[in-house]
Amino acid sequence: MPATDKIVEFCGFKGRIHKEKYTEGNRTGLLLIIEDGEEAGELLATASVNLPEAELAEDEICIKNWSENEGILDVLQDAGIIQATGRSVRTGYVSAPICKLLI
């Protein structure tokens, strides 16, 4: 899981962005790993969601911006990590925004 130099603040913690590859579909995913304090190294959030049925370009990902992740879309956009495309894909009762990955 390669770490990036990008650190964001989410839910009162500073988290470093880690890029991963989902095994199904071989798409890129994003994790936030707590950067400091007693919880350093623990998972803060899984910012992406793997939706193999979604039609995505090579540099696009689906962001999980609901439930415990509500607000993550804005945090990642403000940090220059993603850019919303205005498209989304339905998954269950919610829609996942499709975003261009900038890092």
N, C-alpha and C. Protein backbone atom coordinates (compact mmCIF):
# COMPACT_ATOMS: atom_id res chain seq x y z
N MET A 1 0.84 -1.17 0.00
CA MET A 1 0.00 0.00 0.00
C MET A 1 0.89 1.24 0.00
N PRO A 2 1.11 1.86 -1.13
CA PRO A 2 2.00 3.03 -1.14
C PRO A 2 1.36 4.26 -0.51
N ALA A 3 2.08 4.87 0.39
CA ALA A 3 1.64 6.12 1.00
C ALA A 3 1.97 7.26 0.06
N THR A 4 1.20 8.32 0.16
CA THR A 4 1.47 9.53 -0.61
C THR A 4 1.96 10.60 0.36
N ASP A 5 2.30 11.75 -0.17
CA ASP A 5 2.71 12.86 0.69
C ASP A 5 1.51 13.71 1.11
N LYS A 6 0.31 13.30 0.72
CA LYS A 6 -0.90 14.06 1.02
C LYS A 6 -1.46 13.67 2.38
N ILE A 7 -1.68 14.67 3.23
CA ILE A 7 -2.30 14.47 4.54
C ILE A 7 -3.54 15.36 4.59
N VAL A 8 -4.65 14.80 5.04
CA VAL A 8 -5.89 15.55 5.18
C VAL A 8 -6.41 15.41 6.60
N GLU A 9 -7.28 16.33 6.98
CA GLU A 9 -7.92 16.24 8.28
C GLU A 9 -9.36 15.78 8.07
N PHE A 10 -9.73 14.73 8.79
CA PHE A 10 -11.07 14.17 8.68
C PHE A 10 -11.48 13.60 10.04
N CYS A 11 -12.64 13.97 10.49
CA CYS A 11 -13.19 13.47 11.77
C CYS A 11 -12.25 13.77 12.95
N GLY A 12 -11.56 14.90 12.89
CA GLY A 12 -10.70 15.29 14.00
C GLY A 12 -9.32 14.64 14.00
N PHE A 13 -8.99 13.88 12.97
CA PHE A 13 -7.69 13.23 12.85
C PHE A 13 -6.98 13.69 11.59
N LYS A 14 -5.66 13.64 11.62
CA LYS A 14 -4.88 13.84 10.42
C LYS A 14 -4.60 12.47 9.83
N GLY A 15 -4.94 12.32 8.54
CA GLY A 15 -4.76 11.03 7.89
C GLY A 15 -3.94 11.16 6.62
N ARG A 16 -2.99 10.26 6.45
CA ARG A 16 -2.18 10.22 5.23
C ARG A 16 -2.92 9.37 4.21
N ILE A 17 -2.93 9.83 2.97
CA ILE A 17 -3.57 9.11 1.88
C ILE A 17 -2.68 7.96 1.42
N HIS A 18 -3.26 6.78 1.35
CA HIS A 18 -2.59 5.60 0.81
C HIS A 18 -3.39 5.13 -0.40
N LYS A 19 -2.69 4.83 -1.47
CA LYS A 19 -3.33 4.27 -2.66
C LYS A 19 -3.20 2.76 -2.62
N GLU A 20 -4.24 2.08 -3.05
CA GLU A 20 -4.24 0.62 -3.09
C GLU A 20 -4.86 0.18 -4.41
N LYS A 21 -4.74 -1.08 -4.70
CA LYS A 21 -5.42 -1.66 -5.86
C LYS A 21 -6.41 -2.69 -5.35
N TYR A 22 -7.65 -2.56 -5.77
CA TYR A 22 -8.64 -3.58 -5.48
C TYR A 22 -8.33 -4.80 -6.33
N THR A 23 -8.51 -5.97 -5.77
CA THR A 23 -8.23 -7.18 -6.53
C THR A 23 -9.26 -7.39 -7.63
N GLU A 24 -10.51 -7.11 -7.34
CA GLU A 24 -11.55 -7.24 -8.35
C GLU A 24 -11.59 -5.98 -9.20
N GLY A 25 -11.30 -6.10 -10.46
CA GLY A 25 -11.32 -4.95 -11.36
C GLY A 25 -10.00 -4.21 -11.44
N ASN A 26 -9.06 -4.50 -10.54
CA ASN A 26 -7.74 -3.85 -10.52
C ASN A 26 -7.82 -2.33 -10.55
N ARG A 27 -8.80 -1.79 -9.85
CA ARG A 27 -8.96 -0.33 -9.79
C ARG A 27 -8.27 0.23 -8.56
N THR A 28 -7.98 1.52 -8.64
CA THR A 28 -7.33 2.21 -7.54
C THR A 28 -8.33 2.53 -6.43
N GLY A 29 -7.89 2.38 -5.20
CA GLY A 29 -8.67 2.76 -4.04
C GLY A 29 -7.87 3.69 -3.15
N LEU A 30 -8.56 4.39 -2.27
CA LEU A 30 -7.91 5.33 -1.35
C LEU A 30 -8.26 5.00 0.09
N LEU A 31 -7.23 4.95 0.92
CA LEU A 31 -7.38 4.78 2.37
C LEU A 31 -6.81 6.00 3.06
N LEU A 32 -7.35 6.35 4.22
CA LEU A 32 -6.76 7.35 5.09
C LEU A 32 -6.25 6.62 6.32
N ILE A 33 -4.96 6.76 6.57
CA ILE A 33 -4.32 6.12 7.73
C ILE A 33 -3.94 7.22 8.71
N ILE A 34 -4.32 7.04 9.97
CA ILE A 34 -4.05 8.06 11.00
C ILE A 34 -2.55 8.30 11.08
N GLU A 35 -2.18 9.57 11.07
CA GLU A 35 -0.78 9.97 10.96
C GLU A 35 -0.06 10.08 12.29
N ASP A 36 -0.74 10.51 13.35
CA ASP A 36 -0.02 10.74 14.61
C ASP A 36 -0.87 10.38 15.82
N GLY A 37 -0.27 10.48 16.97
CA GLY A 37 -0.96 10.17 18.22
C GLY A 37 -0.97 8.68 18.51
N GLU A 38 -1.72 8.31 19.52
CA GLU A 38 -1.80 6.91 19.94
C GLU A 38 -2.37 6.01 18.85
N GLU A 39 -3.21 6.57 18.00
CA GLU A 39 -3.85 5.78 16.95
C GLU A 39 -3.04 5.73 15.65
N ALA A 40 -1.84 6.30 15.63
CA ALA A 40 -1.03 6.35 14.41
C ALA A 40 -0.91 4.97 13.78
N GLY A 41 -1.10 4.92 12.48
CA GLY A 41 -1.02 3.67 11.74
C GLY A 41 -2.34 2.95 11.59
N GLU A 42 -3.36 3.38 12.33
CA GLU A 42 -4.67 2.75 12.24
C GLU A 42 -5.47 3.34 11.08
N LEU A 43 -6.40 2.56 10.56
CA LEU A 43 -7.26 3.00 9.48
C LEU A 43 -8.24 4.06 9.99
N LEU A 44 -8.24 5.21 9.35
CA LEU A 44 -9.19 6.27 9.67
C LEU A 44 -10.44 6.11 8.81
N ALA A 45 -10.24 5.88 7.50
CA ALA A 45 -11.38 5.73 6.60
C ALA A 45 -10.94 5.06 5.30
N THR A 46 -11.86 4.32 4.73
CA THR A 46 -11.70 3.86 3.35
C THR A 46 -12.51 4.84 2.53
N ALA A 47 -11.81 5.70 1.79
CA ALA A 47 -12.47 6.80 1.09
C ALA A 47 -13.13 6.38 -0.21
N SER A 48 -12.68 5.28 -0.77
CA SER A 48 -13.21 4.83 -2.06
C SER A 48 -14.09 3.60 -1.86
N VAL A 49 -14.81 3.27 -2.91
CA VAL A 49 -15.61 2.05 -2.93
C VAL A 49 -15.40 1.40 -4.29
N ASN A 50 -15.22 0.09 -4.29
CA ASN A 50 -14.99 -0.63 -5.54
C ASN A 50 -16.33 -1.08 -6.11
N LEU A 51 -16.67 -0.55 -7.26
CA LEU A 51 -17.90 -0.92 -7.95
C LEU A 51 -17.52 -1.41 -9.34
N PRO A 52 -17.19 -2.70 -9.48
CA PRO A 52 -16.70 -3.22 -10.75
C PRO A 52 -17.64 -2.99 -11.93
N GLU A 53 -18.94 -2.85 -11.66
CA GLU A 53 -19.90 -2.64 -12.74
C GLU A 53 -19.89 -1.21 -13.28
N ALA A 54 -19.27 -0.30 -12.55
CA ALA A 54 -19.23 1.11 -12.97
C ALA A 54 -18.27 1.30 -14.15
N GLU A 55 -18.70 2.10 -15.09
CA GLU A 55 -17.85 2.43 -16.23
C GLU A 55 -16.98 3.62 -15.85
N LEU A 56 -15.70 3.35 -15.65
CA LEU A 56 -14.76 4.38 -15.21
C LEU A 56 -13.58 4.46 -16.17
N ALA A 57 -13.05 5.66 -16.32
CA ALA A 57 -11.79 5.83 -17.04
C ALA A 57 -10.66 5.34 -16.13
N GLU A 58 -9.49 5.15 -16.70
CA GLU A 58 -8.33 4.64 -15.95
C GLU A 58 -8.00 5.50 -14.72
N ASP A 59 -8.24 6.81 -14.81
CA ASP A 59 -7.89 7.73 -13.72
C ASP A 59 -9.08 8.13 -12.86
N GLU A 60 -10.15 7.35 -12.88
CA GLU A 60 -11.34 7.67 -12.10
C GLU A 60 -11.57 6.63 -10.99
N ILE A 61 -12.17 7.11 -9.90
CA ILE A 61 -12.53 6.25 -8.78
C ILE A 61 -13.91 6.64 -8.27
N CYS A 62 -14.52 5.74 -7.50
CA CYS A 62 -15.80 6.02 -6.84
C CYS A 62 -15.51 6.33 -5.37
N ILE A 63 -16.10 7.41 -4.88
CA ILE A 63 -15.87 7.85 -3.50
C ILE A 63 -17.06 7.47 -2.63
N LYS A 64 -16.77 6.93 -1.45
CA LYS A 64 -17.82 6.60 -0.47
C LYS A 64 -18.06 7.83 0.39
N ASN A 65 -19.09 8.59 0.04
CA ASN A 65 -19.38 9.86 0.71
C ASN A 65 -20.69 9.77 1.50
N TRP A 66 -20.95 8.66 2.15
CA TRP A 66 -22.15 8.47 2.95
C TRP A 66 -21.78 7.78 4.25
N SER A 67 -22.75 7.71 5.14
CA SER A 67 -22.57 7.05 6.43
C SER A 67 -21.39 7.67 7.18
N GLU A 68 -20.47 6.83 7.69
CA GLU A 68 -19.33 7.34 8.46
C GLU A 68 -18.36 8.17 7.61
N ASN A 69 -18.49 8.13 6.30
CA ASN A 69 -17.61 8.89 5.41
C ASN A 69 -18.22 10.19 4.93
N GLU A 70 -19.38 10.56 5.42
CA GLU A 70 -20.03 11.77 4.95
C GLU A 70 -19.08 12.96 5.09
N GLY A 71 -18.89 13.68 4.00
CA GLY A 71 -18.00 14.84 3.98
C GLY A 71 -16.63 14.57 3.38
N ILE A 72 -16.29 13.30 3.15
CA ILE A 72 -14.96 12.96 2.64
C ILE A 72 -14.74 13.50 1.23
N LEU A 73 -15.81 13.59 0.44
CA LEU A 73 -15.69 14.11 -0.92
C LEU A 73 -15.12 15.53 -0.90
N ASP A 74 -15.69 16.40 -0.07
CA ASP A 74 -15.21 17.78 0.01
C ASP A 74 -13.79 17.86 0.53
N VAL A 75 -13.47 17.05 1.54
CA VAL A 75 -12.11 17.05 2.11
C VAL A 75 -11.08 16.69 1.04
N LEU A 76 -11.36 15.64 0.28
CA LEU A 76 -10.41 15.19 -0.75
C LEU A 76 -10.31 16.17 -1.91
N GLN A 77 -11.43 16.79 -2.27
CA GLN A 77 -11.39 17.82 -3.33
C GLN A 77 -10.59 19.03 -2.88
N ASP A 78 -10.84 19.50 -1.66
CA ASP A 78 -10.14 20.68 -1.14
C ASP A 78 -8.64 20.46 -1.07
N ALA A 79 -8.23 19.20 -0.86
CA ALA A 79 -6.81 18.86 -0.75
C ALA A 79 -6.16 18.61 -2.12
N GLY A 80 -6.95 18.67 -3.19
CA GLY A 80 -6.41 18.46 -4.53
C GLY A 80 -6.11 16.99 -4.83
N ILE A 81 -6.80 16.09 -4.18
CA ILE A 81 -6.59 14.66 -4.38
C ILE A 81 -7.52 14.11 -5.45
N ILE A 82 -8.74 14.61 -5.48
CA ILE A 82 -9.72 14.20 -6.48
C ILE A 82 -10.42 15.42 -7.05
N GLN A 83 -11.11 15.19 -8.16
CA GLN A 83 -11.96 16.23 -8.76
C GLN A 83 -13.26 15.55 -9.17
N ALA A 84 -14.38 16.05 -8.68
CA ALA A 84 -15.67 15.47 -9.01
C ALA A 84 -15.94 15.65 -10.51
N THR A 85 -16.54 14.61 -11.11
CA THR A 85 -16.85 14.66 -12.54
C THR A 85 -18.29 15.07 -12.79
N GLY A 86 -19.12 15.06 -11.74
CA GLY A 86 -20.54 15.33 -11.91
C GLY A 86 -21.33 14.06 -12.22
N ARG A 87 -20.62 12.95 -12.37
CA ARG A 87 -21.26 11.66 -12.62
C ARG A 87 -21.28 10.86 -11.32
N SER A 88 -22.18 9.90 -11.25
CA SER A 88 -22.22 9.01 -10.09
C SER A 88 -22.76 7.66 -10.53
N VAL A 89 -22.59 6.68 -9.65
CA VAL A 89 -23.10 5.34 -9.91
C VAL A 89 -23.91 4.91 -8.70
N ARG A 90 -25.06 4.35 -8.95
CA ARG A 90 -25.96 3.90 -7.89
C ARG A 90 -25.43 2.60 -7.28
N THR A 91 -25.45 2.53 -5.96
CA THR A 91 -25.08 1.31 -5.25
C THR A 91 -26.01 1.19 -4.05
N GLY A 92 -26.91 0.24 -4.10
CA GLY A 92 -27.89 0.09 -3.03
C GLY A 92 -28.80 1.30 -2.97
N TYR A 93 -28.88 1.91 -1.78
CA TYR A 93 -29.76 3.06 -1.57
C TYR A 93 -29.06 4.40 -1.77
N VAL A 94 -27.80 4.38 -2.14
CA VAL A 94 -27.02 5.60 -2.28
C VAL A 94 -26.34 5.66 -3.65
N SER A 95 -25.77 6.81 -3.94
CA SER A 95 -24.98 6.98 -5.16
C SER A 95 -23.56 7.33 -4.78
N ALA A 96 -22.61 6.74 -5.50
CA ALA A 96 -21.19 7.04 -5.26
C ALA A 96 -20.72 8.01 -6.33
N PRO A 97 -20.20 9.17 -5.93
CA PRO A 97 -19.67 10.11 -6.91
C PRO A 97 -18.46 9.52 -7.63
N ILE A 98 -18.41 9.71 -8.93
CA ILE A 98 -17.25 9.31 -9.72
C ILE A 98 -16.33 10.51 -9.81
N CYS A 99 -15.07 10.30 -9.45
CA CYS A 99 -14.11 11.40 -9.39
C CYS A 99 -12.83 11.06 -10.16
N LYS A 100 -12.21 12.09 -10.68
CA LYS A 100 -10.91 11.94 -11.31
C LYS A 100 -9.87 11.97 -10.21
N LEU A 101 -8.97 11.01 -10.22
CA LEU A 101 -7.89 10.94 -9.24
C LEU A 101 -6.75 11.84 -9.73
N LEU A 102 -6.35 12.79 -8.91
CA LEU A 102 -5.34 13.78 -9.30
C LEU A 102 -3.94 13.45 -8.79
N ILE A 103 -3.80 12.42 -7.98
CA ILE A 103 -2.48 12.08 -7.45
C ILE A 103 -2.02 10.73 -7.97
